[in-house]
N, C-alpha and C. Protein backbone atom coordinates (compact mmCIF):
# COMPACT_ATOMS: atom_id res chain seq x y z
N MET A 1 -4.92 57.20 -41.27
CA MET A 1 -5.42 56.26 -40.30
C MET A 1 -6.95 56.33 -40.29
N ILE A 2 -7.62 55.18 -40.36
CA ILE A 2 -9.07 55.12 -40.35
C ILE A 2 -9.56 54.85 -38.93
N ILE A 3 -10.46 55.72 -38.47
CA ILE A 3 -11.04 55.61 -37.13
C ILE A 3 -12.49 55.19 -37.29
N ASP A 4 -12.87 54.05 -36.71
CA ASP A 4 -14.26 53.60 -36.81
C ASP A 4 -14.95 53.49 -35.45
N LYS A 5 -14.22 53.85 -34.39
CA LYS A 5 -14.82 53.84 -33.05
C LYS A 5 -14.06 54.79 -32.14
N ILE A 6 -14.71 55.15 -31.06
CA ILE A 6 -14.11 56.00 -30.04
C ILE A 6 -13.52 55.07 -28.97
N ILE A 7 -12.25 55.27 -28.63
CA ILE A 7 -11.58 54.42 -27.64
C ILE A 7 -12.09 54.69 -26.23
N GLY A 8 -12.28 55.96 -25.93
CA GLY A 8 -12.71 56.36 -24.59
C GLY A 8 -12.74 57.87 -24.52
N ASN A 9 -12.74 58.40 -23.31
CA ASN A 9 -12.76 59.84 -23.11
C ASN A 9 -11.76 60.19 -22.02
N THR A 10 -11.21 61.38 -22.11
CA THR A 10 -10.20 61.81 -21.13
C THR A 10 -10.78 61.91 -19.72
N ASN A 11 -12.10 61.98 -19.59
CA ASN A 11 -12.73 62.01 -18.26
C ASN A 11 -12.61 60.67 -17.55
N THR A 12 -12.47 59.58 -18.31
CA THR A 12 -12.48 58.25 -17.71
C THR A 12 -11.22 57.43 -17.99
N LEU A 13 -10.38 57.88 -18.91
CA LEU A 13 -9.20 57.12 -19.31
C LEU A 13 -7.95 57.98 -19.14
N SER A 14 -6.95 57.46 -18.47
CA SER A 14 -5.72 58.21 -18.21
C SER A 14 -4.83 58.22 -19.45
N LEU A 15 -4.26 59.38 -19.73
CA LEU A 15 -3.32 59.53 -20.86
C LEU A 15 -1.91 59.82 -20.35
N GLU A 16 -1.65 59.47 -19.14
CA GLU A 16 -0.37 59.76 -18.49
C GLU A 16 0.80 59.25 -19.33
N GLY A 17 1.79 60.13 -19.54
CA GLY A 17 2.99 59.78 -20.28
C GLY A 17 2.84 59.89 -21.79
N ARG A 18 1.68 60.27 -22.27
CA ARG A 18 1.45 60.40 -23.71
C ARG A 18 1.32 61.87 -24.10
N THR A 19 1.77 62.18 -25.29
CA THR A 19 1.57 63.51 -25.85
C THR A 19 0.15 63.57 -26.41
N ILE A 20 -0.57 64.63 -26.08
CA ILE A 20 -1.92 64.80 -26.60
C ILE A 20 -1.84 65.56 -27.91
N ASP A 21 -2.39 64.95 -28.97
CA ASP A 21 -2.44 65.55 -30.29
C ASP A 21 -3.90 65.90 -30.57
N PRO A 22 -4.28 67.18 -30.40
CA PRO A 22 -5.69 67.54 -30.57
C PRO A 22 -6.18 67.43 -32.01
N LEU A 23 -7.40 66.92 -32.15
CA LEU A 23 -8.12 66.97 -33.41
C LEU A 23 -9.18 68.04 -33.24
N LEU A 24 -8.94 69.20 -33.86
CA LEU A 24 -9.84 70.33 -33.70
C LEU A 24 -11.01 70.23 -34.67
N LEU A 25 -12.23 70.31 -34.12
CA LEU A 25 -13.44 70.21 -34.93
C LEU A 25 -14.36 71.40 -34.67
N GLU A 26 -15.07 71.82 -35.71
CA GLU A 26 -16.15 72.78 -35.55
C GLU A 26 -17.31 72.02 -34.91
N TRP A 27 -18.22 72.71 -34.22
CA TRP A 27 -19.31 72.04 -33.53
C TRP A 27 -20.13 71.17 -34.48
N PHE A 28 -20.34 71.63 -35.72
CA PHE A 28 -21.19 70.89 -36.66
C PHE A 28 -20.48 69.66 -37.23
N GLU A 29 -19.18 69.56 -37.07
CA GLU A 29 -18.44 68.39 -37.56
C GLU A 29 -18.53 67.21 -36.59
N THR A 30 -18.99 67.45 -35.38
CA THR A 30 -19.04 66.38 -34.38
C THR A 30 -20.08 65.32 -34.69
N THR A 31 -21.04 65.63 -35.55
CA THR A 31 -22.07 64.65 -35.89
C THR A 31 -21.86 64.02 -37.27
N LYS A 32 -20.83 64.45 -37.98
CA LYS A 32 -20.55 63.87 -39.30
C LYS A 32 -20.03 62.44 -39.13
N ARG A 33 -20.57 61.54 -39.90
CA ARG A 33 -20.17 60.14 -39.80
C ARG A 33 -18.93 59.83 -40.62
N ILE A 34 -18.69 60.59 -41.68
CA ILE A 34 -17.52 60.36 -42.53
C ILE A 34 -16.85 61.70 -42.79
N GLN A 35 -15.55 61.76 -42.45
CA GLN A 35 -14.79 62.99 -42.71
C GLN A 35 -13.29 62.69 -42.64
N ARG A 36 -12.53 63.54 -43.26
CA ARG A 36 -11.08 63.42 -43.27
C ARG A 36 -10.50 64.72 -42.71
N LYS A 37 -9.66 64.59 -41.68
CA LYS A 37 -9.10 65.76 -40.99
C LYS A 37 -7.62 65.50 -40.68
N HIS A 38 -6.94 66.56 -40.24
CA HIS A 38 -5.56 66.45 -39.75
C HIS A 38 -5.52 66.93 -38.31
N THR A 39 -4.75 66.25 -37.47
CA THR A 39 -4.56 66.68 -36.09
C THR A 39 -3.63 67.88 -36.06
N GLN A 40 -3.47 68.47 -34.91
CA GLN A 40 -2.57 69.62 -34.76
C GLN A 40 -1.12 69.26 -35.12
N GLN A 41 -0.73 68.00 -34.90
CA GLN A 41 0.63 67.58 -35.23
C GLN A 41 0.74 67.00 -36.64
N GLY A 42 -0.34 67.10 -37.43
CA GLY A 42 -0.28 66.72 -38.83
C GLY A 42 -0.68 65.29 -39.16
N MET A 43 -1.12 64.52 -38.20
CA MET A 43 -1.54 63.15 -38.47
C MET A 43 -2.88 63.16 -39.22
N GLU A 44 -2.95 62.44 -40.34
CA GLU A 44 -4.19 62.38 -41.11
C GLU A 44 -5.13 61.35 -40.48
N ILE A 45 -6.36 61.79 -40.25
CA ILE A 45 -7.38 60.95 -39.63
C ILE A 45 -8.58 60.87 -40.58
N ALA A 46 -9.02 59.66 -40.86
CA ALA A 46 -10.25 59.47 -41.62
C ALA A 46 -11.26 58.84 -40.66
N ILE A 47 -12.34 59.56 -40.39
CA ILE A 47 -13.37 59.07 -39.48
C ILE A 47 -14.46 58.41 -40.31
N ARG A 48 -14.81 57.18 -39.92
CA ARG A 48 -15.83 56.42 -40.64
C ARG A 48 -16.69 55.69 -39.61
N PHE A 49 -17.73 56.36 -39.16
CA PHE A 49 -18.67 55.77 -38.22
C PHE A 49 -19.82 55.17 -39.02
N LEU A 50 -20.05 53.88 -38.84
CA LEU A 50 -21.09 53.21 -39.61
C LEU A 50 -22.45 53.24 -38.92
N LYS A 51 -22.47 53.34 -37.60
CA LYS A 51 -23.75 53.35 -36.88
C LYS A 51 -24.36 54.75 -36.91
N GLU A 52 -25.69 54.79 -36.97
CA GLU A 52 -26.42 56.05 -36.88
C GLU A 52 -26.26 56.63 -35.48
N GLY A 53 -26.28 57.95 -35.38
CA GLY A 53 -26.32 58.60 -34.08
C GLY A 53 -25.00 58.72 -33.35
N GLN A 54 -23.91 58.22 -33.92
CA GLN A 54 -22.62 58.38 -33.26
C GLN A 54 -22.19 59.83 -33.42
N ARG A 55 -21.68 60.40 -32.34
CA ARG A 55 -21.17 61.76 -32.44
C ARG A 55 -19.94 61.90 -31.56
N LEU A 56 -19.09 62.82 -31.94
CA LEU A 56 -17.87 63.06 -31.20
C LEU A 56 -18.12 64.12 -30.13
N ARG A 57 -17.48 63.92 -28.98
CA ARG A 57 -17.60 64.86 -27.87
C ARG A 57 -16.21 65.32 -27.48
N ILE A 58 -16.16 66.45 -26.84
CA ILE A 58 -14.88 66.99 -26.38
C ILE A 58 -14.23 65.96 -25.45
N GLY A 59 -12.96 65.70 -25.67
CA GLY A 59 -12.22 64.74 -24.85
C GLY A 59 -12.25 63.31 -25.36
N ASP A 60 -13.00 63.03 -26.43
CA ASP A 60 -13.01 61.68 -26.98
C ASP A 60 -11.63 61.32 -27.52
N ILE A 61 -11.20 60.10 -27.23
CA ILE A 61 -9.90 59.61 -27.68
C ILE A 61 -10.13 58.74 -28.91
N LEU A 62 -9.52 59.13 -30.03
CA LEU A 62 -9.72 58.42 -31.28
C LEU A 62 -8.57 57.47 -31.62
N TYR A 63 -7.40 57.75 -31.10
CA TYR A 63 -6.22 56.92 -31.35
C TYR A 63 -5.30 57.04 -30.15
N MET A 64 -4.64 55.93 -29.82
CA MET A 64 -3.71 55.98 -28.69
C MET A 64 -2.65 54.89 -28.89
N ASP A 65 -1.40 55.28 -28.71
CA ASP A 65 -0.30 54.31 -28.64
C ASP A 65 0.52 54.66 -27.39
N ASP A 66 1.71 54.14 -27.28
CA ASP A 66 2.52 54.37 -26.07
C ASP A 66 2.97 55.81 -25.92
N ASN A 67 3.03 56.56 -27.04
CA ASN A 67 3.57 57.91 -27.00
C ASN A 67 2.55 59.02 -27.25
N ARG A 68 1.48 58.73 -27.97
CA ARG A 68 0.58 59.77 -28.44
C ARG A 68 -0.88 59.35 -28.26
N ALA A 69 -1.73 60.37 -28.06
CA ALA A 69 -3.17 60.15 -28.04
C ALA A 69 -3.82 61.27 -28.85
N VAL A 70 -4.69 60.90 -29.78
CA VAL A 70 -5.45 61.87 -30.56
C VAL A 70 -6.76 62.09 -29.83
N VAL A 71 -6.97 63.36 -29.42
CA VAL A 71 -8.12 63.71 -28.58
C VAL A 71 -8.92 64.82 -29.26
N VAL A 72 -10.24 64.65 -29.28
CA VAL A 72 -11.15 65.63 -29.90
C VAL A 72 -11.25 66.89 -29.04
N ASP A 73 -11.16 68.03 -29.70
CA ASP A 73 -11.42 69.31 -29.06
C ASP A 73 -12.32 70.11 -30.00
N ILE A 74 -13.15 70.96 -29.42
CA ILE A 74 -14.09 71.76 -30.19
C ILE A 74 -13.57 73.19 -30.31
N ILE A 75 -13.61 73.72 -31.52
CA ILE A 75 -13.18 75.09 -31.77
C ILE A 75 -14.27 76.04 -31.28
N PRO A 76 -13.92 77.05 -30.49
CA PRO A 76 -14.93 78.03 -30.06
C PRO A 76 -15.52 78.77 -31.25
N SER A 77 -16.80 79.12 -31.12
CA SER A 77 -17.49 79.87 -32.17
C SER A 77 -18.45 80.86 -31.53
N ASP A 78 -18.95 81.79 -32.33
CA ASP A 78 -19.93 82.74 -31.82
C ASP A 78 -21.24 82.00 -31.54
N ALA A 79 -21.84 82.31 -30.41
CA ALA A 79 -23.06 81.63 -30.00
C ALA A 79 -24.02 82.60 -29.33
N ILE A 80 -25.29 82.23 -29.37
CA ILE A 80 -26.31 82.92 -28.59
C ILE A 80 -26.44 82.14 -27.29
N VAL A 81 -26.37 82.84 -26.18
CA VAL A 81 -26.50 82.20 -24.87
C VAL A 81 -27.74 82.77 -24.19
N VAL A 82 -28.68 81.89 -23.86
CA VAL A 82 -29.90 82.29 -23.17
C VAL A 82 -29.85 81.69 -21.77
N THR A 83 -30.03 82.55 -20.76
CA THR A 83 -30.07 82.09 -19.38
C THR A 83 -31.52 82.15 -18.90
N PRO A 84 -32.21 81.00 -18.91
CA PRO A 84 -33.61 80.99 -18.49
C PRO A 84 -33.75 81.32 -17.00
N ARG A 85 -34.81 82.05 -16.66
CA ARG A 85 -35.06 82.44 -15.27
C ARG A 85 -35.93 81.43 -14.53
N SER A 86 -36.49 80.46 -15.24
CA SER A 86 -37.34 79.45 -14.61
C SER A 86 -37.40 78.22 -15.51
N LEU A 87 -37.94 77.14 -14.97
CA LEU A 87 -38.12 75.94 -15.77
C LEU A 87 -39.11 76.18 -16.90
N LEU A 88 -40.13 76.98 -16.63
CA LEU A 88 -41.11 77.32 -17.66
C LEU A 88 -40.43 78.06 -18.81
N GLU A 89 -39.56 79.03 -18.48
CA GLU A 89 -38.86 79.77 -19.52
C GLU A 89 -37.88 78.86 -20.27
N MET A 90 -37.26 77.91 -19.58
CA MET A 90 -36.37 76.94 -20.23
C MET A 90 -37.15 76.14 -21.27
N GLY A 91 -38.31 75.63 -20.87
CA GLY A 91 -39.15 74.88 -21.79
C GLY A 91 -39.61 75.72 -22.96
N SER A 92 -40.01 76.94 -22.69
CA SER A 92 -40.50 77.83 -23.74
C SER A 92 -39.42 78.16 -24.75
N VAL A 93 -38.25 78.53 -24.28
CA VAL A 93 -37.18 78.92 -25.22
C VAL A 93 -36.72 77.71 -26.03
N CYS A 94 -36.62 76.54 -25.40
CA CYS A 94 -36.21 75.34 -26.15
C CYS A 94 -37.26 74.98 -27.19
N TYR A 95 -38.52 75.12 -26.83
CA TYR A 95 -39.60 74.83 -27.78
C TYR A 95 -39.54 75.79 -28.97
N GLU A 96 -39.38 77.07 -28.70
CA GLU A 96 -39.34 78.08 -29.76
C GLU A 96 -38.15 77.85 -30.70
N ILE A 97 -37.00 77.54 -30.12
CA ILE A 97 -35.80 77.30 -30.94
C ILE A 97 -35.97 76.01 -31.73
N GLY A 98 -36.44 74.96 -31.06
CA GLY A 98 -36.65 73.68 -31.72
C GLY A 98 -37.68 73.76 -32.82
N ASN A 99 -38.67 74.61 -32.65
CA ASN A 99 -39.71 74.78 -33.66
C ASN A 99 -39.14 75.39 -34.94
N LYS A 100 -37.99 76.03 -34.82
CA LYS A 100 -37.31 76.60 -35.99
C LYS A 100 -36.25 75.63 -36.53
N HIS A 101 -36.17 74.44 -35.94
CA HIS A 101 -35.25 73.38 -36.37
C HIS A 101 -33.79 73.82 -36.31
N LEU A 102 -33.45 74.56 -35.25
CA LEU A 102 -32.09 75.00 -35.03
C LEU A 102 -31.41 74.09 -34.01
N PRO A 103 -30.10 73.87 -34.14
CA PRO A 103 -29.40 73.05 -33.15
C PRO A 103 -29.39 73.76 -31.79
N VAL A 104 -29.61 72.99 -30.73
CA VAL A 104 -29.67 73.53 -29.37
C VAL A 104 -28.64 72.81 -28.51
N PHE A 105 -27.93 73.57 -27.70
CA PHE A 105 -26.96 73.03 -26.76
C PHE A 105 -27.39 73.45 -25.35
N ILE A 106 -27.29 72.54 -24.40
CA ILE A 106 -27.58 72.86 -23.00
C ILE A 106 -26.28 72.71 -22.24
N GLN A 107 -25.81 73.80 -21.66
CA GLN A 107 -24.55 73.81 -20.92
C GLN A 107 -24.70 74.72 -19.71
N ASP A 108 -24.36 74.22 -18.54
CA ASP A 108 -24.38 75.02 -17.30
C ASP A 108 -25.70 75.76 -17.11
N ASP A 109 -26.82 75.05 -17.24
CA ASP A 109 -28.16 75.62 -17.06
C ASP A 109 -28.46 76.77 -18.02
N GLN A 110 -27.78 76.78 -19.15
CA GLN A 110 -28.03 77.78 -20.18
C GLN A 110 -28.35 77.08 -21.49
N VAL A 111 -29.07 77.78 -22.35
CA VAL A 111 -29.39 77.29 -23.68
C VAL A 111 -28.50 78.05 -24.65
N LEU A 112 -27.78 77.31 -25.49
CA LEU A 112 -26.89 77.92 -26.47
C LEU A 112 -27.25 77.45 -27.87
N MET A 113 -26.95 78.29 -28.84
CA MET A 113 -27.11 77.91 -30.24
C MET A 113 -26.11 78.73 -31.06
N PRO A 114 -25.75 78.23 -32.25
CA PRO A 114 -24.85 79.01 -33.09
C PRO A 114 -25.46 80.38 -33.36
N PHE A 115 -24.59 81.39 -33.42
CA PHE A 115 -25.06 82.77 -33.54
C PHE A 115 -25.63 83.05 -34.92
N GLU A 116 -26.84 83.59 -34.92
CA GLU A 116 -27.49 84.15 -36.11
C GLU A 116 -28.17 85.43 -35.65
N GLU A 117 -27.84 86.54 -36.28
CA GLU A 117 -28.35 87.85 -35.87
C GLU A 117 -29.89 87.91 -35.78
N PRO A 118 -30.63 87.42 -36.79
CA PRO A 118 -32.10 87.53 -36.69
C PRO A 118 -32.66 86.75 -35.48
N ILE A 119 -32.12 85.59 -35.20
CA ILE A 119 -32.59 84.79 -34.05
C ILE A 119 -32.22 85.50 -32.75
N PHE A 120 -31.02 86.07 -32.71
CA PHE A 120 -30.57 86.80 -31.53
C PHE A 120 -31.54 87.95 -31.22
N ARG A 121 -31.87 88.73 -32.23
CA ARG A 121 -32.80 89.86 -32.04
C ARG A 121 -34.20 89.38 -31.67
N TRP A 122 -34.64 88.28 -32.28
CA TRP A 122 -35.96 87.73 -32.00
C TRP A 122 -36.06 87.27 -30.54
N LEU A 123 -35.01 86.61 -30.03
CA LEU A 123 -35.01 86.17 -28.63
C LEU A 123 -34.97 87.36 -27.68
N GLN A 124 -34.19 88.38 -28.02
CA GLN A 124 -34.16 89.59 -27.19
C GLN A 124 -35.54 90.25 -27.15
N ALA A 125 -36.18 90.35 -28.31
CA ALA A 125 -37.51 90.96 -28.37
C ALA A 125 -38.53 90.15 -27.58
N GLY A 126 -38.28 88.86 -27.45
CA GLY A 126 -39.16 87.99 -26.67
C GLY A 126 -38.95 88.12 -25.17
N GLY A 127 -37.97 88.93 -24.76
CA GLY A 127 -37.74 89.18 -23.35
C GLY A 127 -36.82 88.19 -22.66
N TYR A 128 -36.17 87.33 -23.43
CA TYR A 128 -35.25 86.36 -22.84
C TYR A 128 -33.91 87.03 -22.49
N ASP A 129 -33.27 86.54 -21.43
CA ASP A 129 -31.94 87.02 -21.01
C ASP A 129 -30.93 86.42 -21.99
N THR A 130 -30.54 87.21 -23.00
CA THR A 130 -29.78 86.71 -24.14
C THR A 130 -28.51 87.53 -24.34
N VAL A 131 -27.37 86.83 -24.55
CA VAL A 131 -26.10 87.50 -24.85
C VAL A 131 -25.39 86.75 -25.98
N LYS A 132 -24.49 87.46 -26.65
CA LYS A 132 -23.63 86.85 -27.66
C LYS A 132 -22.31 86.51 -26.97
N ALA A 133 -21.81 85.29 -27.21
CA ALA A 133 -20.55 84.87 -26.58
C ALA A 133 -19.73 84.07 -27.59
N HIS A 134 -18.43 84.05 -27.39
CA HIS A 134 -17.52 83.21 -28.17
C HIS A 134 -17.15 82.04 -27.27
N THR A 135 -17.70 80.86 -27.56
CA THR A 135 -17.55 79.72 -26.66
C THR A 135 -17.57 78.41 -27.43
N LYS A 136 -17.24 77.32 -26.73
CA LYS A 136 -17.30 75.99 -27.32
C LYS A 136 -18.73 75.46 -27.18
N LEU A 137 -19.30 75.03 -28.27
CA LEU A 137 -20.63 74.41 -28.25
C LEU A 137 -20.41 72.91 -28.15
N THR A 138 -20.59 72.38 -26.93
CA THR A 138 -20.15 71.00 -26.68
C THR A 138 -21.24 70.00 -26.35
N ASN A 139 -22.40 70.43 -25.92
CA ASN A 139 -23.41 69.48 -25.45
C ASN A 139 -24.68 69.59 -26.30
N LEU A 140 -24.58 69.10 -27.54
CA LEU A 140 -25.70 69.17 -28.48
C LEU A 140 -26.84 68.30 -27.99
N LEU A 141 -28.01 68.90 -27.92
CA LEU A 141 -29.21 68.17 -27.53
C LEU A 141 -29.59 67.22 -28.65
N ASN A 142 -29.92 66.00 -28.31
CA ASN A 142 -30.32 65.02 -29.31
C ASN A 142 -31.73 65.34 -29.78
N ALA A 143 -31.85 65.78 -31.00
CA ALA A 143 -33.16 66.20 -31.53
C ALA A 143 -33.96 65.04 -32.09
N ASN A 144 -33.39 63.87 -32.14
CA ASN A 144 -34.09 62.72 -32.71
C ASN A 144 -34.95 62.03 -31.66
N VAL A 145 -35.81 62.79 -31.01
CA VAL A 145 -36.64 62.24 -29.96
C VAL A 145 -37.81 61.49 -30.60
N GLN A 146 -38.96 62.08 -30.62
CA GLN A 146 -40.12 61.46 -31.24
C GLN A 146 -40.78 62.49 -32.14
N PRO A 147 -41.49 62.01 -33.14
CA PRO A 147 -42.18 62.97 -34.00
C PRO A 147 -43.26 63.71 -33.22
N HIS A 148 -43.66 64.89 -33.75
CA HIS A 148 -44.73 65.67 -33.13
C HIS A 148 -46.00 64.84 -33.09
N SER A 149 -46.86 65.11 -32.12
CA SER A 149 -48.17 64.48 -32.15
C SER A 149 -49.19 65.56 -32.49
N HIS A 150 -49.76 65.45 -33.66
CA HIS A 150 -50.74 66.43 -34.13
C HIS A 150 -52.13 65.79 -34.12
N GLY A 151 -52.86 66.01 -33.02
CA GLY A 151 -54.24 65.57 -32.96
C GLY A 151 -54.45 64.09 -32.73
N ASN A 152 -53.41 63.33 -32.45
CA ASN A 152 -53.62 61.90 -32.24
C ASN A 152 -53.75 61.53 -30.77
N GLY A 153 -53.86 62.52 -29.90
CA GLY A 153 -54.07 62.26 -28.49
C GLY A 153 -52.80 62.09 -27.67
N GLY A 154 -51.65 61.87 -28.32
CA GLY A 154 -50.40 61.72 -27.59
C GLY A 154 -49.90 63.06 -27.12
N SER A 155 -49.11 63.07 -26.06
CA SER A 155 -48.60 64.35 -25.58
C SER A 155 -47.19 64.57 -26.11
N SER A 156 -46.88 65.82 -26.42
CA SER A 156 -45.58 66.16 -26.95
C SER A 156 -44.60 66.41 -25.81
N LEU A 157 -43.32 66.45 -26.13
CA LEU A 157 -42.30 66.75 -25.14
C LEU A 157 -42.56 68.12 -24.52
N PHE A 158 -42.96 69.10 -25.35
CA PHE A 158 -43.23 70.44 -24.85
C PHE A 158 -44.37 70.44 -23.83
N SER A 159 -45.44 69.71 -24.13
CA SER A 159 -46.56 69.69 -23.19
C SER A 159 -46.17 69.03 -21.88
N LYS A 160 -45.29 68.03 -21.93
CA LYS A 160 -44.81 67.39 -20.70
C LYS A 160 -43.98 68.37 -19.87
N ILE A 161 -43.12 69.15 -20.52
CA ILE A 161 -42.31 70.15 -19.82
C ILE A 161 -43.21 71.21 -19.20
N MET A 162 -44.19 71.67 -19.95
CA MET A 162 -45.10 72.69 -19.44
C MET A 162 -45.90 72.16 -18.24
N SER A 163 -46.30 70.90 -18.26
CA SER A 163 -47.02 70.30 -17.13
C SER A 163 -46.14 70.27 -15.89
N LEU A 164 -44.88 69.87 -16.07
CA LEU A 164 -43.95 69.85 -14.94
C LEU A 164 -43.74 71.24 -14.37
N ALA A 165 -43.60 72.22 -15.26
CA ALA A 165 -43.37 73.60 -14.82
C ALA A 165 -44.60 74.13 -14.05
N ALA A 166 -45.79 73.77 -14.50
CA ALA A 166 -47.02 74.23 -13.83
C ALA A 166 -47.13 73.61 -12.44
N LYS A 167 -46.67 72.38 -12.28
CA LYS A 167 -46.70 71.71 -10.96
C LYS A 167 -45.75 72.37 -9.97
N GLU A 168 -44.65 72.95 -10.48
CA GLU A 168 -43.66 73.59 -9.60
C GLU A 168 -44.17 74.88 -8.98
N ARG A 169 -45.16 75.51 -9.59
CA ARG A 169 -45.64 76.81 -9.12
C ARG A 169 -46.31 76.70 -7.81
């Protein structure tokens, strides 16, 4: 079955009376535009998103009939979880991680990223409240914001965050 759009999400659409057939994805598969997978009940799914920037989220419904609904679920993985103590620290840690071009997830006022030992040790050495956890990485920050401004007078996202944090003091 070829899927070219998301029907809805379990947060807003009722699946009452239907069997839920999970499509289990790794966190990094949620942004792939073309892929072939099997649901837990063995249904073959070919995902073909033609638009840029489409991504799958937990609870997305890809197929639905009177008896069954294919729903996206994310497989838990090892992650680094940083709990910032202030807005300034939130901005700083996101800037540092983003500067290394690593995927960042924001969930429950925490910053998460896929686990890598060197990054984990580097964040700990930086004094951040950092732990390793096995969890679902579900809320990927959209990194396609704007390019850096190097000397052209424009302000970067980081400088805007730092300005807001300074005003809070």
